[in-house]
Full PDB file with SEQRES, HELIX, SHEET, SSBOND, CRYST1, ORIGX, SCALE, CONECT and MASTER records, all heavy atoms in Angstrom:
SEQRES   1 A   30  TYR ALA ASP SER VAL LYS GLY ARG VAL THR LEU SER ARG          
SEQRES   2 A   30  ASP ASN ALA LYS ASN THR VAL THR LEU GLN MET ASN SER          
SEQRES   3 A   30  LEU LYS PRO GLU                                              
SHEET    1 AA1 2 VAL A   9  ASP A  14  0                                        
SHEET    2 AA1 2 THR A  19  MET A  24 -1                                        
CRYST1    1.000    1.000    1.000  90.00  90.00  90.00 P 1           1          
ORIGX1      1.000000  0.000000  0.000000        0.00000                         
ORIGX2      0.000000  1.000000  0.000000        0.00000                         
ORIGX3      0.000000  0.000000  1.000000        0.00000                         
SCALE1      1.000000  0.000000  0.000000        0.00000                         
SCALE2      0.000000  1.000000  0.000000        0.00000                         
SCALE3      0.000000  0.000000  1.000000        0.00000                         
ATOM      1  N   TYR A   1     -65.247  85.359 -22.559  1.00  0.00           N  
ATOM      2  CA  TYR A   1     -65.391  86.334 -23.638  1.00  0.00           C  
ATOM      3  C   TYR A   1     -65.721  85.636 -24.951  1.00  0.00           C  
ATOM      4  O   TYR A   1     -65.242  84.526 -25.225  1.00  0.00           O  
ATOM      5  CB  TYR A   1     -64.097  87.130 -23.822  1.00  0.00           C  
ATOM      6  CG  TYR A   1     -63.672  87.907 -22.602  1.00  0.00           C  
ATOM      7  CD1 TYR A   1     -62.692  87.421 -21.738  1.00  0.00           C  
ATOM      8  CD2 TYR A   1     -64.266  89.139 -22.302  1.00  0.00           C  
ATOM      9  CE1 TYR A   1     -62.310  88.133 -20.615  1.00  0.00           C  
ATOM     10  CE2 TYR A   1     -63.885  89.856 -21.185  1.00  0.00           C  
ATOM     11  CZ  TYR A   1     -62.914  89.353 -20.334  1.00  0.00           C  
ATOM     12  OH  TYR A   1     -62.543  90.061 -19.218  1.00  0.00           O  
ATOM     13  N   ALA A   2     -66.494  86.326 -25.775  1.00  0.00           N  
ATOM     14  CA  ALA A   2     -66.720  85.848 -27.134  1.00  0.00           C  
ATOM     15  C   ALA A   2     -65.427  85.984 -27.925  1.00  0.00           C  
ATOM     16  O   ALA A   2     -64.632  86.898 -27.685  1.00  0.00           O  
ATOM     17  CB  ALA A   2     -67.828  86.662 -27.787  1.00  0.00           C  
ATOM     18  N   ASP A   3     -65.238  85.094 -28.872  1.00  0.00           N  
ATOM     19  CA  ASP A   3     -64.027  85.145 -29.690  1.00  0.00           C  
ATOM     20  C   ASP A   3     -63.910  86.476 -30.426  1.00  0.00           C  
ATOM     21  O   ASP A   3     -62.795  86.958 -30.665  1.00  0.00           O  
ATOM     22  CB  ASP A   3     -64.036  83.996 -30.702  1.00  0.00           C  
ATOM     23  CG  ASP A   3     -63.749  82.654 -30.059  1.00  0.00           C  
ATOM     24  OD1 ASP A   3     -63.243  82.634 -28.915  1.00  0.00           O  
ATOM     25  OD2 ASP A   3     -64.035  81.622 -30.699  1.00  0.00           O  
ATOM     26  N   SER A   4     -65.035  87.063 -30.768  1.00  0.00           N  
ATOM     27  CA  SER A   4     -65.028  88.297 -31.555  1.00  0.00           C  
ATOM     28  C   SER A   4     -64.451  89.484 -30.786  1.00  0.00           C  
ATOM     29  O   SER A   4     -64.055  90.482 -31.393  1.00  0.00           O  
ATOM     30  CB  SER A   4     -66.447  88.630 -32.018  1.00  0.00           C  
ATOM     31  OG  SER A   4     -67.322  88.746 -30.906  1.00  0.00           O  
ATOM     32  N   VAL A   5     -64.389  89.383 -29.460  1.00  0.00           N  
ATOM     33  CA  VAL A   5     -63.886  90.495 -28.654  1.00  0.00           C  
ATOM     34  C   VAL A   5     -62.693  90.111 -27.785  1.00  0.00           C  
ATOM     35  O   VAL A   5     -62.077  90.981 -27.156  1.00  0.00           O  
ATOM     36  CB  VAL A   5     -64.987  91.082 -27.752  1.00  0.00           C  
ATOM     37  CG1 VAL A   5     -66.168  91.570 -28.582  1.00  0.00           C  
ATOM     38  CG2 VAL A   5     -65.430  90.064 -26.706  1.00  0.00           C  
ATOM     39  N   LYS A   6     -62.361  88.845 -27.752  1.00  0.00           N  
ATOM     40  CA  LYS A   6     -61.288  88.365 -26.883  1.00  0.00           C  
ATOM     41  C   LYS A   6     -59.985  89.098 -27.176  1.00  0.00           C  
ATOM     42  O   LYS A   6     -59.591  89.259 -28.328  1.00  0.00           O  
ATOM     43  CB  LYS A   6     -61.117  86.857 -27.063  1.00  0.00           C  
ATOM     44  CG  LYS A   6     -60.344  86.169 -25.963  1.00  0.00           C  
ATOM     45  CD  LYS A   6     -60.397  84.657 -26.143  1.00  0.00           C  
ATOM     46  CE  LYS A   6     -61.797  84.138 -25.945  1.00  0.00           C  
ATOM     47  NZ  LYS A   6     -61.864  82.647 -26.056  1.00  0.00           N  
ATOM     48  N   GLY A   7     -59.332  89.546 -26.128  1.00  0.00           N  
ATOM     49  CA  GLY A   7     -58.088  90.282 -26.286  1.00  0.00           C  
ATOM     50  C   GLY A   7     -58.287  91.781 -26.415  1.00  0.00           C  
ATOM     51  O   GLY A   7     -57.333  92.554 -26.307  1.00  0.00           O  
ATOM     52  N   ARG A   8     -59.504  92.206 -26.654  1.00  0.00           N  
ATOM     53  CA  ARG A   8     -59.790  93.635 -26.810  1.00  0.00           C  
ATOM     54  C   ARG A   8     -60.701  94.160 -25.717  1.00  0.00           C  
ATOM     55  O   ARG A   8     -60.834  95.384 -25.562  1.00  0.00           O  
ATOM     56  CB  ARG A   8     -60.453  93.891 -28.178  1.00  0.00           C  
ATOM     57  CG  ARG A   8     -59.635  93.437 -29.356  1.00  0.00           C  
ATOM     58  CD  ARG A   8     -60.253  93.876 -30.678  1.00  0.00           C  
ATOM     59  NE  ARG A   8     -61.544  93.258 -30.925  1.00  0.00           N  
ATOM     60  CZ  ARG A   8     -62.676  93.949 -31.061  1.00  0.00           C  
ATOM     61  NH1 ARG A   8     -62.702  95.271 -30.960  1.00  0.00           N  
ATOM     62  NH2 ARG A   8     -63.810  93.302 -31.319  1.00  0.00           N  
ATOM     63  N   VAL A   9     -61.317  93.257 -24.971  1.00  0.00           N  
ATOM     64  CA  VAL A   9     -62.327  93.622 -23.983  1.00  0.00           C  
ATOM     65  C   VAL A   9     -61.962  93.038 -22.620  1.00  0.00           C  
ATOM     66  O   VAL A   9     -61.476  91.906 -22.544  1.00  0.00           O  
ATOM     67  CB  VAL A   9     -63.706  93.093 -24.438  1.00  0.00           C  
ATOM     68  CG1 VAL A   9     -64.705  93.133 -23.311  1.00  0.00           C  
ATOM     69  CG2 VAL A   9     -64.217  93.900 -25.629  1.00  0.00           C  
ATOM     70  N   THR A  10     -62.214  93.819 -21.581  1.00  0.00           N  
ATOM     71  CA  THR A  10     -62.013  93.345 -20.212  1.00  0.00           C  
ATOM     72  C   THR A  10     -63.257  93.643 -19.395  1.00  0.00           C  
ATOM     73  O   THR A  10     -63.739  94.776 -19.368  1.00  0.00           O  
ATOM     74  CB  THR A  10     -60.804  94.018 -19.559  1.00  0.00           C  
ATOM     75  OG1 THR A  10     -59.633  93.760 -20.342  1.00  0.00           O  
ATOM     76  CG2 THR A  10     -60.590  93.469 -18.153  1.00  0.00           C  
ATOM     77  N   LEU A  11     -63.764  92.603 -18.744  1.00  0.00           N  
ATOM     78  CA  LEU A  11     -64.956  92.743 -17.916  1.00  0.00           C  
ATOM     79  C   LEU A  11     -64.576  92.642 -16.449  1.00  0.00           C  
ATOM     80  O   LEU A  11     -63.821  91.746 -16.060  1.00  0.00           O  
ATOM     81  CB  LEU A  11     -65.953  91.638 -18.277  1.00  0.00           C  
ATOM     82  CG  LEU A  11     -67.295  91.622 -17.546  1.00  0.00           C  
ATOM     83  CD1 LEU A  11     -68.031  92.942 -17.737  1.00  0.00           C  
ATOM     84  CD2 LEU A  11     -68.151  90.463 -18.044  1.00  0.00           C  
ATOM     85  N   SER A  12     -65.095  93.558 -15.656  1.00  0.00           N  
ATOM     86  CA  SER A  12     -64.808  93.548 -14.229  1.00  0.00           C  
ATOM     87  C   SER A  12     -66.072  93.924 -13.463  1.00  0.00           C  
ATOM     88  O   SER A  12     -67.027  94.442 -14.040  1.00  0.00           O  
ATOM     89  CB  SER A  12     -63.674  94.523 -13.895  1.00  0.00           C  
ATOM     90  OG  SER A  12     -64.023  95.838 -14.270  1.00  0.00           O  
ATOM     91  N   ARG A  13     -66.056  93.662 -12.172  1.00  0.00           N  
ATOM     92  CA  ARG A  13     -67.196  94.017 -11.336  1.00  0.00           C  
ATOM     93  C   ARG A  13     -66.731  94.468  -9.969  1.00  0.00           C  
ATOM     94  O   ARG A  13     -65.653  94.052  -9.500  1.00  0.00           O  
ATOM     95  CB  ARG A  13     -68.186  92.844 -11.213  1.00  0.00           C  
ATOM     96  CG  ARG A  13     -67.693  91.660 -10.418  1.00  0.00           C  
ATOM     97  CD  ARG A  13     -68.700  90.505 -10.489  1.00  0.00           C  
ATOM     98  NE  ARG A  13     -69.952  90.820  -9.846  1.00  0.00           N  
ATOM     99  CZ  ARG A  13     -71.087  90.126 -10.022  1.00  0.00           C  
ATOM    100  NH1 ARG A  13     -71.087  89.082 -10.851  1.00  0.00           N  
ATOM    101  NH2 ARG A  13     -72.193  90.476  -9.387  1.00  0.00           N  
ATOM    102  N   ASP A  14     -67.559  95.287  -9.337  1.00  0.00           N  
ATOM    103  CA  ASP A  14     -67.311  95.757  -7.979  1.00  0.00           C  
ATOM    104  C   ASP A  14     -68.583  95.485  -7.193  1.00  0.00           C  
ATOM    105  O   ASP A  14     -69.565  96.227  -7.305  1.00  0.00           O  
ATOM    106  CB  ASP A  14     -66.968  97.248  -7.993  1.00  0.00           C  
ATOM    107  CG  ASP A  14     -66.550  97.755  -6.628  1.00  0.00           C  
ATOM    108  OD1 ASP A  14     -66.960  97.161  -5.610  1.00  0.00           O  
ATOM    109  OD2 ASP A  14     -65.853  98.763  -6.579  1.00  0.00           O  
ATOM    110  N   ASN A  15     -68.583  94.429  -6.414  1.00  0.00           N  
ATOM    111  CA  ASN A  15     -69.792  94.056  -5.684  1.00  0.00           C  
ATOM    112  C   ASN A  15     -70.129  95.051  -4.573  1.00  0.00           C  
ATOM    113  O   ASN A  15     -71.276  95.150  -4.159  1.00  0.00           O  
ATOM    114  CB  ASN A  15     -69.650  92.653  -5.121  1.00  0.00           C  
ATOM    115  CG  ASN A  15     -69.793  91.583  -6.206  1.00  0.00           C  
ATOM    116  OD1 ASN A  15     -70.273  91.857  -7.308  1.00  0.00           O  
ATOM    117  ND2 ASN A  15     -69.354  90.378  -5.896  1.00  0.00           N  
ATOM    118  N   ALA A  16     -69.158  95.774  -4.097  1.00  0.00           N  
ATOM    119  CA  ALA A  16     -69.429  96.781  -3.066  1.00  0.00           C  
ATOM    120  C   ALA A  16     -70.174  97.984  -3.645  1.00  0.00           C  
ATOM    121  O   ALA A  16     -70.942  98.641  -2.945  1.00  0.00           O  
ATOM    122  CB  ALA A  16     -68.113  97.232  -2.437  1.00  0.00           C  
ATOM    123  N   LYS A  17     -69.951  98.234  -4.925  1.00  0.00           N  
ATOM    124  CA  LYS A  17     -70.583  99.376  -5.587  1.00  0.00           C  
ATOM    125  C   LYS A  17     -71.718  98.960  -6.516  1.00  0.00           C  
ATOM    126  O   LYS A  17     -72.334  99.800  -7.166  1.00  0.00           O  
ATOM    127  CB  LYS A  17     -69.545 100.170  -6.372  1.00  0.00           C  
ATOM    128  CG  LYS A  17     -68.472 100.802  -5.508  1.00  0.00           C  
ATOM    129  CD  LYS A  17     -67.497 101.614  -6.351  1.00  0.00           C  
ATOM    130  CE  LYS A  17     -66.442 102.272  -5.473  1.00  0.00           C  
ATOM    131  NZ  LYS A  17     -65.474 103.064  -6.262  1.00  0.00           N  
ATOM    132  N   ASN A  18     -71.973  97.669  -6.609  1.00  0.00           N  
ATOM    133  CA  ASN A  18     -73.037  97.161  -7.485  1.00  0.00           C  
ATOM    134  C   ASN A  18     -72.840  97.588  -8.940  1.00  0.00           C  
ATOM    135  O   ASN A  18     -73.784  98.029  -9.609  1.00  0.00           O  
ATOM    136  CB  ASN A  18     -74.421  97.604  -7.007  1.00  0.00           C  
ATOM    137  CG  ASN A  18     -74.910  96.817  -5.806  1.00  0.00           C  
ATOM    138  OD1 ASN A  18     -74.147  96.101  -5.159  1.00  0.00           O  
ATOM    139  ND2 ASN A  18     -76.185  96.962  -5.481  1.00  0.00           N  
ATOM    140  N   THR A  19     -71.626  97.472  -9.411  1.00  0.00           N  
ATOM    141  CA  THR A  19     -71.343  97.888 -10.782  1.00  0.00           C  
ATOM    142  C   THR A  19     -70.556  96.828 -11.547  1.00  0.00           C  
ATOM    143  O   THR A  19     -69.801  96.048 -10.962  1.00  0.00           O  
ATOM    144  CB  THR A  19     -70.554  99.199 -10.838  1.00  0.00           C  
ATOM    145  OG1 THR A  19     -69.331  99.028 -10.113  1.00  0.00           O  
ATOM    146  CG2 THR A  19     -71.349 100.348 -10.244  1.00  0.00           C  
ATOM    147  N   VAL A  20     -70.764  96.845 -12.842  1.00  0.00           N  
ATOM    148  CA  VAL A  20     -70.009  96.011 -13.766  1.00  0.00           C  
ATOM    149  C   VAL A  20     -69.469  96.928 -14.852  1.00  0.00           C  
ATOM    150  O   VAL A  20     -70.185  97.811 -15.333  1.00  0.00           O  
ATOM    151  CB  VAL A  20     -70.900  94.924 -14.402  1.00  0.00           C  
ATOM    152  CG1 VAL A  20     -70.136  94.171 -15.474  1.00  0.00           C  
ATOM    153  CG2 VAL A  20     -71.401  93.960 -13.355  1.00  0.00           C  
ATOM    154  N   THR A  21     -68.230  96.725 -15.225  1.00  0.00           N  
ATOM    155  CA  THR A  21     -67.590  97.593 -16.214  1.00  0.00           C  
ATOM    156  C   THR A  21     -67.033  96.766 -17.364  1.00  0.00           C  
ATOM    157  O   THR A  21     -66.376  95.747 -17.139  1.00  0.00           O  
ATOM    158  CB  THR A  21     -66.442  98.392 -15.574  1.00  0.00           C  
ATOM    159  OG1 THR A  21     -66.970  99.186 -14.507  1.00  0.00           O  
ATOM    160  CG2 THR A  21     -65.791  99.303 -16.594  1.00  0.00           C  
ATOM    161  N   LEU A  22     -67.323  97.226 -18.576  1.00  0.00           N  
ATOM    162  CA  LEU A  22     -66.810  96.579 -19.780  1.00  0.00           C  
ATOM    163  C   LEU A  22     -65.864  97.561 -20.466  1.00  0.00           C  
ATOM    164  O   LEU A  22     -66.311  98.556 -21.049  1.00  0.00           O  
ATOM    165  CB  LEU A  22     -67.955  96.206 -20.713  1.00  0.00           C  
ATOM    166  CG  LEU A  22     -67.580  95.380 -21.951  1.00  0.00           C  
ATOM    167  CD1 LEU A  22     -67.158  93.977 -21.541  1.00  0.00           C  
ATOM    168  CD2 LEU A  22     -68.746  95.320 -22.939  1.00  0.00           C  
ATOM    169  N   GLN A  23     -64.591  97.308 -20.373  1.00  0.00           N  
ATOM    170  CA  GLN A  23     -63.582  98.137 -21.028  1.00  0.00           C  
ATOM    171  C   GLN A  23     -63.322  97.583 -22.415  1.00  0.00           C  
ATOM    172  O   GLN A  23     -62.924  96.422 -22.562  1.00  0.00           O  
ATOM    173  CB  GLN A  23     -62.285  98.150 -20.217  1.00  0.00           C  
ATOM    174  CG  GLN A  23     -61.154  98.926 -20.865  1.00  0.00           C  
ATOM    175  CD  GLN A  23     -61.419 100.412 -20.920  1.00  0.00           C  
ATOM    176  OE1 GLN A  23     -61.872 101.014 -19.954  1.00  0.00           O  
ATOM    177  NE2 GLN A  23     -61.125 101.032 -22.071  1.00  0.00           N  
ATOM    178  N   MET A  24     -63.552  98.407 -23.428  1.00  0.00           N  
ATOM    179  CA  MET A  24     -63.393  97.953 -24.809  1.00  0.00           C  
ATOM    180  C   MET A  24     -62.304  98.773 -25.489  1.00  0.00           C  
ATOM    181  O   MET A  24     -62.375 100.004 -25.541  1.00  0.00           O  
ATOM    182  CB  MET A  24     -64.709  98.096 -25.558  1.00  0.00           C  
ATOM    183  CG  MET A  24     -65.850  97.316 -24.926  1.00  0.00           C  
ATOM    184  SD  MET A  24     -67.308  97.255 -25.983  1.00  0.00           S  
ATOM    185  CE  MET A  24     -67.732  98.983 -26.066  1.00  0.00           C  
ATOM    186  N   ASN A  25     -61.313  98.093 -26.008  1.00  0.00           N  
ATOM    187  CA  ASN A  25     -60.191  98.729 -26.694  1.00  0.00           C  
ATOM    188  C   ASN A  25     -60.108  98.254 -28.138  1.00  0.00           C  
ATOM    189  O   ASN A  25     -60.750  97.271 -28.512  1.00  0.00           O  
ATOM    190  CB  ASN A  25     -58.886  98.396 -25.958  1.00  0.00           C  
ATOM    191  CG  ASN A  25     -58.883  98.833 -24.515  1.00  0.00           C  
ATOM    192  OD1 ASN A  25     -59.389  99.910 -24.180  1.00  0.00           O  
ATOM    193  ND2 ASN A  25     -58.329  97.999 -23.654  1.00  0.00           N  
ATOM    194  N   SER A  26     -59.313  98.956 -28.910  1.00  0.00           N  
ATOM    195  CA  SER A  26     -59.109  98.581 -30.327  1.00  0.00           C  
ATOM    196  C   SER A  26     -60.436  98.317 -31.029  1.00  0.00           C  
ATOM    197  O   SER A  26     -60.611  97.316 -31.717  1.00  0.00           O  
ATOM    198  CB  SER A  26     -58.208  97.342 -30.417  1.00  0.00           C  
ATOM    199  OG  SER A  26     -56.967  97.577 -29.788  1.00  0.00           O  
ATOM    200  N   LEU A  27     -61.352  99.239 -30.840  1.00  0.00           N  
ATOM    201  CA  LEU A  27     -62.705  99.042 -31.377  1.00  0.00           C  
ATOM    202  C   LEU A  27     -62.704  99.034 -32.901  1.00  0.00           C  
ATOM    203  O   LEU A  27     -61.906  99.733 -33.546  1.00  0.00           O  
ATOM    204  CB  LEU A  27     -63.629 100.125 -30.846  1.00  0.00           C  
ATOM    205  CG  LEU A  27     -64.068  99.889 -29.388  1.00  0.00           C  
ATOM    206  CD1 LEU A  27     -64.627 101.167 -28.786  1.00  0.00           C  
ATOM    207  CD2 LEU A  27     -65.088  98.771 -29.313  1.00  0.00           C  
ATOM    208  N   LYS A  28     -63.617  98.238 -33.448  1.00  0.00           N  
ATOM    209  CA  LYS A  28     -63.752  98.077 -34.889  1.00  0.00           C  
ATOM    210  C   LYS A  28     -65.160  98.497 -35.316  1.00  0.00           C  
ATOM    211  O   LYS A  28     -66.085  98.441 -34.500  1.00  0.00           O  
ATOM    212  CB  LYS A  28     -63.529  96.613 -35.272  1.00  0.00           C  
ATOM    213  CG  LYS A  28     -62.221  96.017 -34.799  1.00  0.00           C  
ATOM    214  CD  LYS A  28     -62.160  94.525 -35.111  1.00  0.00           C  
ATOM    215  CE  LYS A  28     -60.862  93.914 -34.616  1.00  0.00           C  
ATOM    216  NZ  LYS A  28     -60.809  92.453 -34.903  1.00  0.00           N  
ATOM    217  N   PRO A  29     -65.342  98.860 -36.562  1.00  0.00           N  
ATOM    218  CA  PRO A  29     -66.698  99.208 -37.016  1.00  0.00           C  
ATOM    219  C   PRO A  29     -67.707  98.089 -36.757  1.00  0.00           C  
ATOM    220  O   PRO A  29     -68.876  98.369 -36.465  1.00  0.00           O  
ATOM    221  CB  PRO A  29     -66.497  99.451 -38.517  1.00  0.00           C  
ATOM    222  CG  PRO A  29     -65.092  99.940 -38.617  1.00  0.00           C  
ATOM    223  CD  PRO A  29     -64.330  99.141 -37.589  1.00  0.00           C  
ATOM    224  N   GLU A  30     -67.281  96.850 -36.813  1.00  0.00           N  
ATOM    225  CA  GLU A  30     -68.201  95.732 -36.574  1.00  0.00           C  
ATOM    226  C   GLU A  30     -68.607  95.590 -35.114  1.00  0.00           C  
ATOM    227  O   GLU A  30     -69.464  94.779 -34.782  1.00  0.00           O  
ATOM    228  CB  GLU A  30     -67.610  94.414 -37.079  1.00  0.00           C  
ATOM    229  CG  GLU A  30     -66.208  94.118 -36.611  1.00  0.00           C  
ATOM    230  CD  GLU A  30     -65.155  94.541 -37.633  1.00  0.00           C  
ATOM    231  OE1 GLU A  30     -65.277  95.647 -38.209  1.00  0.00           O  
ATOM    232  OE2 GLU A  30     -64.185  93.762 -37.829  1.00  0.00           O  
TER     233      GLU A  30                                                      
MASTER        0    0    0    0    2    0    0    6  232    1    0    3          
END                                                                             
């Protein structure tokens, strides 16, 4: 993770479904 998002973002993938998910929390205007 980039430092700018570390601790607020979680990246996961499901190879059976061919998907990648980016969960973003505590979002900021930046």
